[in-house]
PDB file of N, CA and C in Angstrom:
ATOM      1  N   MET A   1     -17.605 -36.853   3.568  1.00  0.00           N
ATOM      2  CA  MET A   1     -17.230 -38.234   3.308  1.00  0.00           C
ATOM      3  C   MET A   1     -16.896 -38.384   1.827  1.00  0.00           C
ATOM      4  N   LYS A   2     -15.748 -38.938   1.523  1.00  0.00           N
ATOM      5  CA  LYS A   2     -15.334 -39.124   0.141  1.00  0.00           C
ATOM      6  C   LYS A   2     -15.946 -40.403  -0.415  1.00  0.00           C
ATOM      7  N   SER A   3     -16.366 -40.333  -1.689  1.00  0.00           N
ATOM      8  CA  SER A   3     -16.902 -41.541  -2.317  1.00  0.00           C
ATOM      9  C   SER A   3     -15.773 -42.268  -3.026  1.00  0.00           C
ATOM     10  N   LYS A   4     -15.880 -43.578  -3.088  1.00  0.00           N
ATOM     11  CA  LYS A   4     -14.881 -44.378  -3.786  1.00  0.00           C
ATOM     12  C   LYS A   4     -15.161 -44.306  -5.279  1.00  0.00           C
ATOM     13  N   ARG A   5     -14.128 -44.233  -6.070  1.00  0.00           N
ATOM     14  CA  ARG A   5     -14.258 -44.208  -7.525  1.00  0.00           C
ATOM     15  C   ARG A   5     -13.310 -45.239  -8.117  1.00  0.00           C
ATOM     16  N   GLY A   6     -13.646 -45.664  -9.315  1.00  0.00           N
ATOM     17  CA  GLY A   6     -12.774 -46.592 -10.014  1.00  0.00           C
ATOM     18  C   GLY A   6     -12.985 -48.029  -9.590  1.00  0.00           C
ATOM     19  N   SER A   7     -12.001 -48.875  -9.896  1.00  0.00           N
ATOM     20  CA  SER A   7     -12.147 -50.304  -9.662  1.00  0.00           C
ATOM     21  C   SER A   7     -12.208 -50.655  -8.179  1.00  0.00           C
ATOM     22  N   SER A   8     -11.609 -49.842  -7.328  1.00  0.00           N
ATOM     23  CA  SER A   8     -11.636 -50.165  -5.905  1.00  0.00           C
ATOM     24  C   SER A   8     -13.029 -50.014  -5.320  1.00  0.00           C
ATOM     25  N   ALA A   9     -13.874 -49.187  -5.966  1.00  0.00           N
ATOM     26  CA  ALA A   9     -15.235 -48.990  -5.466  1.00  0.00           C
ATOM     27  C   ALA A   9     -16.058 -50.254  -5.641  1.00  0.00           C
ATOM     28  N   THR A  10     -15.861 -50.951  -6.745  1.00  0.00           N
ATOM     29  CA  THR A  10     -16.652 -52.155  -6.994  1.00  0.00           C
ATOM     30  C   THR A  10     -15.978 -53.412  -6.461  1.00  0.00           C
ATOM     31  N   ALA A  11     -14.686 -53.344  -6.232  1.00  0.00           N
ATOM     32  CA  ALA A  11     -13.970 -54.527  -5.764  1.00  0.00           C
ATOM     33  C   ALA A  11     -14.442 -54.946  -4.373  1.00  0.00           C
ATOM     34  N   SER A  12     -14.825 -53.972  -3.555  1.00  0.00           N
ATOM     35  CA  SER A  12     -15.242 -54.318  -2.205  1.00  0.00           C
ATOM     36  C   SER A  12     -16.700 -54.781  -2.145  1.00  0.00           C
ATOM     37  N   ALA A  13     -17.487 -54.480  -3.163  1.00  0.00           N
ATOM     38  CA  ALA A  13     -18.895 -54.886  -3.182  1.00  0.00           C
ATOM     39  C   ALA A  13     -18.977 -56.336  -3.638  1.00  0.00           C
ATOM     40  N   LYS A  14     -19.641 -57.174  -2.838  1.00  0.00           N
ATOM     41  CA  LYS A  14     -19.776 -58.583  -3.189  1.00  0.00           C
ATOM     42  C   LYS A  14     -21.086 -58.803  -3.908  1.00  0.00           C
ATOM     43  N   GLY A  15     -21.023 -59.445  -5.072  1.00  0.00           N
ATOM     44  CA  GLY A  15     -22.232 -59.793  -5.795  1.00  0.00           C
ATOM     45  C   GLY A  15     -22.793 -61.098  -5.259  1.00  0.00           C
ATOM     46  N   LYS A  16     -23.992 -61.431  -5.702  1.00  0.00           N
ATOM     47  CA  LYS A  16     -24.633 -62.659  -5.245  1.00  0.00           C
ATOM     48  C   LYS A  16     -24.580 -63.762  -6.298  1.00  0.00           C
ATOM     49  N   THR A  17     -23.893 -63.516  -7.417  1.00  0.00           N
ATOM     50  CA  THR A  17     -23.815 -64.518  -8.472  1.00  0.00           C
ATOM     51  C   THR A  17     -22.808 -65.600  -8.108  1.00  0.00           C
ATOM     52  N   ASP A  18     -23.211 -66.854  -8.265  1.00  0.00           N
ATOM     53  CA  ASP A  18     -22.327 -67.991  -8.024  1.00  0.00           C
ATOM     54  C   ASP A  18     -21.628 -68.306  -9.350  1.00  0.00           C
ATOM     55  N   TRP A  19     -20.505 -67.600  -9.609  1.00  0.00           N
ATOM     56  CA  TRP A  19     -19.834 -67.731 -10.884  1.00  0.00           C
ATOM     57  C   TRP A  19     -19.282 -69.126 -11.133  1.00  0.00           C
ATOM     58  N   ALA A  20     -18.886 -69.834 -10.112  1.00  0.00           N
ATOM     59  CA  ALA A  20     -18.401 -71.212 -10.297  1.00  0.00           C
ATOM     60  C   ALA A  20     -19.523 -72.086 -10.842  1.00  0.00           C
ATOM     61  N   ARG A  21     -20.740 -71.901 -10.324  1.00  0.00           N
ATOM     62  CA  ARG A  21     -21.889 -72.670 -10.809  1.00  0.00           C
ATOM     63  C   ARG A  21     -22.221 -72.280 -12.252  1.00  0.00           C
ATOM     64  N   VAL A  22     -22.137 -70.979 -12.571  1.00  0.00           N
ATOM     65  CA  VAL A  22     -22.426 -70.524 -13.929  1.00  0.00           C
ATOM     66  C   VAL A  22     -21.419 -71.111 -14.908  1.00  0.00           C
ATOM     67  N   ARG A  23     -20.121 -71.090 -14.554  1.00  0.00           N
ATOM     68  CA  ARG A  23     -19.091 -71.645 -15.432  1.00  0.00           C
ATOM     69  C   ARG A  23     -19.257 -73.148 -15.630  1.00  0.00           C
ATOM     70  N   ALA A  24     -19.796 -73.839 -14.630  1.00  0.00           N
ATOM     71  CA  ALA A  24     -19.960 -75.287 -14.713  1.00  0.00           C
ATOM     72  C   ALA A  24     -21.205 -75.689 -15.512  1.00  0.00           C
ATOM     73  N   MET A  25     -22.106 -74.733 -15.788  1.00  0.00           N
ATOM     74  CA  MET A  25     -23.338 -75.061 -16.507  1.00  0.00           C
ATOM     75  C   MET A  25     -23.044 -75.497 -17.936  1.00  0.00           C
ATOM     76  N   LYS A  26     -23.831 -76.436 -18.426  1.00  0.00           N
ATOM     77  CA  LYS A  26     -23.773 -76.843 -19.822  1.00  0.00           C
ATOM     78  C   LYS A  26     -24.750 -75.956 -20.591  1.00  0.00           C
ATOM     79  N   ASP A  27     -24.538 -75.825 -21.883  1.00  0.00           N
ATOM     80  CA  ASP A  27     -25.429 -74.995 -22.698  1.00  0.00           C
ATOM     81  C   ASP A  27     -26.885 -75.426 -22.555  1.00  0.00           C
ATOM     82  N   ALA A  28     -27.109 -76.731 -22.446  1.00  0.00           N
ATOM     83  CA  ALA A  28     -28.480 -77.248 -22.337  1.00  0.00           C
ATOM     84  C   ALA A  28     -29.147 -76.834 -21.028  1.00  0.00           C
ATOM     85  N   ASP A  29     -28.354 -76.437 -20.024  1.00  0.00           N
ATOM     86  CA  ASP A  29     -28.907 -76.045 -18.724  1.00  0.00           C
ATOM     87  C   ASP A  29     -29.299 -74.571 -18.652  1.00  0.00           C
ATOM     88  N   ILE A  30     -28.999 -73.808 -19.704  1.00  0.00           N
ATOM     89  CA  ILE A  30     -29.281 -72.364 -19.681  1.00  0.00           C
ATOM     90  C   ILE A  30     -30.778 -72.141 -19.886  1.00  0.00           C
ATOM     91  N   PRO A  31     -31.421 -71.442 -18.949  1.00  0.00           N
ATOM     92  CA  PRO A  31     -32.850 -71.170 -19.116  1.00  0.00           C
ATOM     93  C   PRO A  31     -33.058 -69.964 -20.049  1.00  0.00           C
ATOM     94  N   PHE A  32     -33.841 -70.158 -21.109  1.00  0.00           N
ATOM     95  CA  PHE A  32     -34.145 -69.071 -22.030  1.00  0.00           C
ATOM     96  C   PHE A  32     -35.533 -68.535 -21.718  1.00  0.00           C
ATOM     97  N   THR A  33     -35.691 -67.224 -21.839  1.00  0.00           N
ATOM     98  CA  THR A  33     -36.965 -66.570 -21.563  1.00  0.00           C
ATOM     99  C   THR A  33     -37.277 -65.610 -22.705  1.00  0.00           C
ATOM    100  N   ALA A  34     -38.421 -64.954 -22.631  1.00  0.00           N
ATOM    101  CA  ALA A  34     -38.773 -63.955 -23.640  1.00  0.00           C
ATOM    102  C   ALA A  34     -37.771 -62.793 -23.604  1.00  0.00           C
ATOM    103  N   ASP A  35     -37.266 -62.477 -22.418  1.00  0.00           N
ATOM    104  CA  ASP A  35     -36.289 -61.396 -22.290  1.00  0.00           C
ATOM    105  C   ASP A  35     -34.895 -61.826 -22.716  1.00  0.00           C
ATOM    106  N   ALA A  36     -34.591 -63.106 -22.639  1.00  0.00           N
ATOM    107  CA  ALA A  36     -33.281 -63.640 -23.014  1.00  0.00           C
ATOM    108  C   ALA A  36     -33.497 -64.895 -23.858  1.00  0.00           C
ATOM    109  N   PRO A  37     -33.918 -64.708 -25.139  1.00  0.00           N
ATOM    110  CA  PRO A  37     -34.221 -65.868 -25.984  1.00  0.00           C
ATOM    111  C   PRO A  37     -32.975 -66.556 -26.520  1.00  0.00           C
ATOM    112  N   ARG A  38     -33.160 -67.787 -26.964  1.00  0.00           N
ATOM    113  CA  ARG A  38     -32.077 -68.533 -27.594  1.00  0.00           C
ATOM    114  C   ARG A  38     -31.733 -67.830 -28.909  1.00  0.00           C
ATOM    115  N   THR A  39     -30.455 -67.755 -29.245  1.00  0.00           N
ATOM    116  CA  THR A  39     -30.027 -67.131 -30.496  1.00  0.00           C
ATOM    117  C   THR A  39     -29.328 -68.168 -31.364  1.00  0.00           C
ATOM    118  N   SER A  40     -29.201 -67.837 -32.640  1.00  0.00           N
ATOM    119  CA  SER A  40     -28.527 -68.734 -33.580  1.00  0.00           C
ATOM    120  C   SER A  40     -27.355 -68.004 -34.217  1.00  0.00           C
ATOM    121  N   ALA A  41     -26.579 -68.724 -35.002  1.00  0.00           N
ATOM    122  CA  ALA A  41     -25.431 -68.114 -35.681  1.00  0.00           C
ATOM    123  C   ALA A  41     -25.887 -67.009 -36.631  1.00  0.00           C
ATOM    124  N   GLU A  42     -27.067 -67.181 -37.240  1.00  0.00           N
ATOM    125  CA  GLU A  42     -27.592 -66.171 -38.157  1.00  0.00           C
ATOM    126  C   GLU A  42     -27.880 -64.851 -37.431  1.00  0.00           C
ATOM    127  N   ASP A  43     -28.275 -64.950 -36.145  1.00  0.00           N
ATOM    128  CA  ASP A  43     -28.544 -63.737 -35.370  1.00  0.00           C
ATOM    129  C   ASP A  43     -27.281 -62.902 -35.183  1.00  0.00           C
ATOM    130  N   TRP A  44     -26.136 -63.549 -35.200  1.00  0.00           N
ATOM    131  CA  TRP A  44     -24.867 -62.872 -34.942  1.00  0.00           C
ATOM    132  C   TRP A  44     -24.055 -62.624 -36.205  1.00  0.00           C
ATOM    133  N   ALA A  45     -24.595 -62.991 -37.373  1.00  0.00           N
ATOM    134  CA  ALA A  45     -23.839 -62.910 -38.627  1.00  0.00           C
ATOM    135  C   ALA A  45     -23.361 -61.497 -38.941  1.00  0.00           C
ATOM    136  N   ASP A  46     -24.162 -60.490 -38.623  1.00  0.00           N
ATOM    137  CA  ASP A  46     -23.791 -59.116 -38.938  1.00  0.00           C
ATOM    138  C   ASP A  46     -23.207 -58.367 -37.746  1.00  0.00           C
ATOM    139  N   ALA A  47     -22.923 -59.083 -36.669  1.00  0.00           N
ATOM    140  CA  ALA A  47     -22.383 -58.433 -35.472  1.00  0.00           C
ATOM    141  C   ALA A  47     -20.971 -57.927 -35.748  1.00  0.00           C
ATOM    142  N   VAL A  48     -20.617 -56.826 -35.114  1.00  0.00           N
ATOM    143  CA  VAL A  48     -19.291 -56.242 -35.276  1.00  0.00           C
ATOM    144  C   VAL A  48     -18.653 -56.101 -33.905  1.00  0.00           C
ATOM    145  N   ALA A  49     -17.471 -56.674 -33.756  1.00  0.00           N
ATOM    146  CA  ALA A  49     -16.723 -56.514 -32.512  1.00  0.00           C
ATOM    147  C   ALA A  49     -15.874 -55.264 -32.648  1.00  0.00           C
ATOM    148  N   HIS A  50     -15.988 -54.362 -31.689  1.00  0.00           N
ATOM    149  CA  HIS A  50     -15.270 -53.097 -31.788  1.00  0.00           C
ATOM    150  C   HIS A  50     -13.928 -53.099 -31.080  1.00  0.00           C
ATOM    151  N   ARG A  51     -13.580 -54.175 -30.401  1.00  0.00           N
ATOM    152  CA  ARG A  51     -12.304 -54.198 -29.691  1.00  0.00           C
ATOM    153  C   ARG A  51     -11.165 -54.044 -30.691  1.00  0.00           C
ATOM    154  N   GLY A  52     -10.361 -53.039 -30.493  1.00  0.00           N
ATOM    155  CA  GLY A  52      -9.215 -52.820 -31.361  1.00  0.00           C
ATOM    156  C   GLY A  52      -9.527 -52.032 -32.619  1.00  0.00           C
ATOM    157  N   LEU A  53     -10.799 -51.855 -32.926  1.00  0.00           N
ATOM    158  CA  LEU A  53     -11.172 -51.079 -34.107  1.00  0.00           C
ATOM    159  C   LEU A  53     -11.363 -49.620 -33.704  1.00  0.00           C
ATOM    160  N   PRO A  54     -11.124 -48.708 -34.630  1.00  0.00           N
ATOM    161  CA  PRO A  54     -11.350 -47.304 -34.287  1.00  0.00           C
ATOM    162  C   PRO A  54     -12.840 -47.041 -34.086  1.00  0.00           C
ATOM    163  N   LEU A  55     -13.147 -46.152 -33.160  1.00  0.00           N
ATOM    164  CA  LEU A  55     -14.533 -45.790 -32.917  1.00  0.00           C
ATOM    165  C   LEU A  55     -15.030 -44.913 -34.055  1.00  0.00           C
ATOM    166  N   PRO A  56     -16.329 -45.006 -34.377  1.00  0.00           N
ATOM    167  CA  PRO A  56     -16.857 -44.142 -35.430  1.00  0.00           C
ATOM    168  C   PRO A  56     -16.731 -42.674 -35.027  1.00  0.00           C
ATOM    169  N   ALA A  57     -16.648 -41.809 -36.017  1.00  0.00           N
ATOM    170  CA  ALA A  57     -16.517 -40.375 -35.745  1.00  0.00           C
ATOM    171  C   ALA A  57     -17.749 -39.880 -34.997  1.00  0.00           C
ATOM    172  N   ARG A  58     -17.521 -38.991 -34.055  1.00  0.00           N
ATOM    173  CA  ARG A  58     -18.618 -38.416 -33.295  1.00  0.00           C
ATOM    174  C   ARG A  58     -19.387 -37.456 -34.187  1.00  0.00           C
ATOM    175  N   LYS A  59     -20.675 -37.387 -33.949  1.00  0.00           N
ATOM    176  CA  LYS A  59     -21.498 -36.465 -34.707  1.00  0.00           C
ATOM    177  C   LYS A  59     -21.527 -35.127 -34.012  1.00  0.00           C
ATOM    178  N   GLU A  60     -21.759 -34.095 -34.795  1.00  0.00           N
ATOM    179  CA  GLU A  60     -21.796 -32.746 -34.259  1.00  0.00           C
ATOM    180  C   GLU A  60     -23.223 -32.214 -34.353  1.00  0.00           C
ATOM    181  N   GLN A  61     -23.694 -31.656 -33.271  1.00  0.00           N
ATOM    182  CA  GLN A  61     -25.031 -31.098 -33.250  1.00  0.00           C
ATOM    183  C   GLN A  61     -25.003 -29.698 -33.846  1.00  0.00           C
ATOM    184  N   ILE A  62     -25.934 -29.432 -34.777  1.00  0.00           N
ATOM    185  CA  ILE A  62     -26.015 -28.127 -35.420  1.00  0.00           C
ATOM    186  C   ILE A  62     -27.470 -27.684 -35.487  1.00  0.00           C
ATOM    187  N   ALA A  63     -27.670 -26.437 -35.826  1.00  0.00           N
ATOM    188  CA  ALA A  63     -29.007 -25.931 -36.132  1.00  0.00           C
ATOM    189  C   ALA A  63     -29.080 -25.852 -37.650  1.00  0.00           C
ATOM    190  N   LEU A  64     -30.112 -26.423 -38.234  1.00  0.00           N
ATOM    191  CA  LEU A  64     -30.240 -26.488 -39.683  1.00  0.00           C
ATOM    192  C   LEU A  64     -31.664 -26.128 -40.067  1.00  0.00           C
ATOM    193  N   ARG A  65     -31.812 -25.201 -40.989  1.00  0.00           N
ATOM    194  CA  ARG A  65     -33.150 -24.826 -41.444  1.00  0.00           C
ATOM    195  C   ARG A  65     -33.504 -25.680 -42.647  1.00  0.00           C
ATOM    196  N   VAL A  66     -34.634 -26.387 -42.523  1.00  0.00           N
ATOM    197  CA  VAL A  66     -35.104 -27.287 -43.570  1.00  0.00           C
ATOM    198  C   VAL A  66     -36.566 -26.950 -43.832  1.00  0.00           C
ATOM    199  N   ASP A  67     -36.990 -27.045 -45.089  1.00  0.00           N
ATOM    200  CA  ASP A  67     -38.392 -26.794 -45.410  1.00  0.00           C
ATOM    201  C   ASP A  67     -39.278 -27.723 -44.589  1.00  0.00           C
ATOM    202  N   ALA A  68     -40.415 -27.212 -44.139  1.00  0.00           N
ATOM    203  CA  ALA A  68     -41.322 -27.973 -43.271  1.00  0.00           C
ATOM    204  C   ALA A  68     -41.777 -29.273 -43.917  1.00  0.00           C
ATOM    205  N   ASP A  69     -42.061 -29.246 -45.230  1.00  0.00           N
ATOM    206  CA  ASP A  69     -42.536 -30.468 -45.895  1.00  0.00           C
ATOM    207  C   ASP A  69     -41.441 -31.530 -45.980  1.00  0.00           C
ATOM    208  N   VAL A  70     -40.195 -31.097 -46.146  1.00  0.00           N
ATOM    209  CA  VAL A  70     -39.072 -32.040 -46.189  1.00  0.00           C
ATOM    210  C   VAL A  70     -38.891 -32.675 -44.810  1.00  0.00           C
ATOM    211  N   LEU A  71     -38.910 -31.853 -43.778  1.00  0.00           N
ATOM    212  CA  LEU A  71     -38.772 -32.359 -42.418  1.00  0.00           C
ATOM    213  C   LEU A  71     -39.904 -33.316 -42.072  1.00  0.00           C
ATOM    214  N   ALA A  72     -41.137 -32.961 -42.438  1.00  0.00           N
ATOM    215  CA  ALA A  72     -42.296 -33.821 -42.165  1.00  0.00           C
ATOM    216  C   ALA A  72     -42.140 -35.173 -42.861  1.00  0.00           C
ATOM    217  N   TRP A  73     -41.619 -35.163 -44.093  1.00  0.00           N
ATOM    218  CA  TRP A  73     -41.445 -36.415 -44.824  1.00  0.00           C
ATOM    219  C   TRP A  73     -40.436 -37.318 -44.125  1.00  0.00           C
ATOM    220  N   TYR A  74     -39.299 -36.758 -43.725  1.00  0.00           N
ATOM    221  CA  TYR A  74     -38.292 -37.566 -43.028  1.00  0.00           C
ATOM    222  C   TYR A  74     -38.839 -38.107 -41.709  1.00  0.00           C
ATOM    223  N   ARG A  75     -39.497 -37.252 -40.936  1.00  0.00           N
ATOM    224  CA  ARG A  75     -40.051 -37.702 -39.662  1.00  0.00           C
ATOM    225  C   ARG A  75     -41.089 -38.797 -39.855  1.00  0.00           C
ATOM    226  N   ALA A  76     -41.840 -38.735 -40.940  1.00  0.00           N
ATOM    227  CA  ALA A  76     -42.866 -39.749 -41.214  1.00  0.00           C
ATOM    228  C   ALA A  76     -42.256 -41.122 -41.503  1.00  0.00           C
ATOM    229  N   GLN A  77     -40.961 -41.143 -41.820  1.00  0.00           N
ATOM    230  CA  GLN A  77     -40.287 -42.421 -42.092  1.00  0.00           C
ATOM    231  C   GLN A  77     -40.060 -43.223 -40.816  1.00  0.00           C
ATOM    232  N   GLY A  78     -40.266 -42.591 -39.666  1.00  0.00           N
ATOM    233  CA  GLY A  78     -40.144 -43.294 -38.395  1.00  0.00           C
ATOM    234  C   GLY A  78     -38.777 -43.146 -37.763  1.00  0.00           C
ATOM    235  N   PRO A  79     -38.538 -43.941 -36.700  1.00  0.00           N
ATOM    236  CA  PRO A  79     -37.265 -43.850 -35.972  1.00  0.00           C
ATOM    237  C   PRO A  79     -36.072 -44.001 -36.912  1.00  0.00           C
ATOM    238  N   GLY A  80     -35.051 -43.224 -36.655  1.00  0.00           N
ATOM    239  CA  GLY A  80     -33.855 -43.258 -37.486  1.00  0.00           C
ATOM    240  C   GLY A  80     -33.885 -42.243 -38.620  1.00  0.00           C
ATOM    241  N   TRP A  81     -34.897 -41.367 -38.614  1.00  0.00           N
ATOM    242  CA  TRP A  81     -35.011 -40.417 -39.725  1.00  0.00           C
ATOM    243  C   TRP A  81     -33.811 -39.484 -39.815  1.00  0.00           C
ATOM    244  N   GLN A  82     -33.227 -39.105 -38.691  1.00  0.00           N
ATOM    245  CA  GLN A  82     -32.062 -38.219 -38.730  1.00  0.00           C
ATOM    246  C   GLN A  82     -30.849 -38.939 -39.317  1.00  0.00           C
ATOM    247  N   THR A  83     -30.708 -40.218 -39.005  1.00  0.00           N
ATOM    248  CA  THR A  83     -29.615 -41.013 -39.564  1.00  0.00           C
ATOM    249  C   THR A  83     -29.779 -41.149 -41.070  1.00  0.00           C
ATOM    250  N   ARG A  84     -31.020 -41.367 -41.523  1.00  0.00           N
ATOM    251  CA  ARG A  84     -31.270 -41.461 -42.969  1.00  0.00           C
ATOM    252  C   ARG A  84     -31.003 -40.129 -43.661  1.00  0.00           C
ATOM    253  N   MET A  85     -31.390 -39.023 -43.026  1.00  0.00           N
ATOM    254  CA  MET A  85     -31.132 -37.709 -43.604  1.00  0.00           C
ATOM    255  C   MET A  85     -29.620 -37.496 -43.728  1.00  0.00           C
ATOM    256  N   ASN A  86     -28.867 -37.910 -42.730  1.00  0.00           N
ATOM    257  CA  ASN A  86     -27.415 -37.803 -42.765  1.00  0.00           C
ATOM    258  C   ASN A  86     -26.843 -38.652 -43.904  1.00  0.00           C
ATOM    259  N   ALA A  87     -27.408 -39.839 -44.110  1.00  0.00           N
ATOM    260  CA  ALA A  87     -26.925 -40.718 -45.179  1.00  0.00           C
ATOM    261  C   ALA A  87     -27.166 -40.095 -46.555  1.00  0.00           C
ATOM    262  N   VAL A  88     -28.302 -39.433 -46.730  1.00  0.00           N
ATOM    263  CA  VAL A  88     -28.593 -38.757 -47.997  1.00  0.00           C
ATOM    264  C   VAL A  88     -27.583 -37.637 -48.237  1.00  0.00           C
ATOM    265  N   LEU A  89     -27.291 -36.854 -47.195  1.00  0.00           N
ATOM    266  CA  LEU A  89     -26.307 -35.783 -47.338  1.00  0.00           C
ATOM    267  C   LEU A  89     -24.923 -36.346 -47.672  1.00  0.00           C
ATOM    268  N   LYS A  90     -24.551 -37.466 -47.040  1.00  0.00           N
ATOM    269  CA  LYS A  90     -23.262 -38.092 -47.346  1.00  0.00           C
ATOM    270  C   LYS A  90     -23.213 -38.566 -48.790  1.00  0.00           C
ATOM    271  N   ALA A  91     -24.302 -39.189 -49.259  1.00  0.00           N
ATOM    272  CA  ALA A  91     -24.344 -39.687 -50.633  1.00  0.00           C
ATOM    273  C   ALA A  91     -24.208 -38.525 -51.627  1.00  0.00           C
ATOM    274  N   PHE A  92     -24.859 -37.412 -51.337  1.00  0.00           N
ATOM    275  CA  PHE A  92     -24.748 -36.239 -52.195  1.00  0.00           C
ATOM    276  C   PHE A  92     -23.309 -35.731 -52.213  1.00  0.00           C
ATOM    277  N   ARG A  93     -22.700 -35.653 -51.025  1.00  0.00           N
ATOM    278  CA  ARG A  93     -21.306 -35.209 -50.932  1.00  0.00           C
ATOM    279  C   ARG A  93     -20.391 -36.116 -51.740  1.00  0.00           C
ATOM    280  N   ASP A  94     -20.571 -37.431 -51.569  1.00  0.00           N
ATOM    281  CA  ASP A  94     -19.703 -38.387 -52.253  1.00  0.00           C
ATOM    282  C   ASP A  94     -19.891 -38.330 -53.767  1.00  0.00           C
ATOM    283  N   ARG A  95     -21.122 -38.140 -54.215  1.00  0.00           N
ATOM    284  CA  ARG A  95     -21.399 -38.055 -55.650  1.00  0.00           C
ATOM    285  C   ARG A  95     -20.823 -36.768 -56.241  1.00  0.00           C
ATOM    286  N   ALA A  96     -20.928 -35.688 -55.483  1.00  0.00           N
ATOM    287  CA  ALA A  96     -20.413 -34.399 -55.951  1.00  0.00           C
ATOM    288  C   ALA A  96     -18.889 -34.407 -56.003  1.00  0.00           C
ATOM    289  N   ALA A  97     -18.252 -35.215 -55.192  1.00  0.00           N
ATOM    290  CA  ALA A  97     -16.793 -35.251 -55.153  1.00  0.00           C
ATOM    291  C   ALA A  97     -16.194 -36.076 -56.284  1.00  0.00           C
ATOM    292  N   LYS A  98     -17.001 -36.940 -56.940  1.00  0.00           N
ATOM    293  CA  LYS A  98     -16.494 -37.795 -58.012  1.00  0.00           C
ATOM    294  C   LYS A  98     -16.427 -37.003 -59.326  1.00  0.00           C
ATOM    295  N   PRO A  99     -15.319 -37.155 -60.069  1.00  0.00           N
ATOM    296  CA  PRO A  99     -15.231 -36.470 -61.364  1.00  0.00           C
ATOM    297  C   PRO A  99     -16.187 -37.103 -62.374  1.00  0.00           C
ATOM    298  N   MET A 100     -16.715 -36.307 -63.243  1.00  0.00           N
ATOM    299  CA  MET A 100     -17.679 -36.793 -64.252  1.00  0.00           C
ATOM    300  C   MET A 100     -16.995 -37.464 -65.392  1.00  0.00           C
TER     301      MET A 100
END
């Protein structure tokens, strides 16, 4: 049996959402919860819309030997330590590329 792929696979599936009712709702009628809290303009101030913008360059996975104490220090910084390590390497590259 062949499986359906693409837009035709979902076009035949009927959802249970009453979109006409959702479109007719006023902002004051929207129920906010802990999972879906009310937001403000400040919450969206730093948001970036990617439509039409180029996607960021993909990262490449490598094997890199780093001193154990250096690795431990970065890991101790918490989530995002690899991104921060990458930022330090970029800053070094950019500084080294500038003429003195």
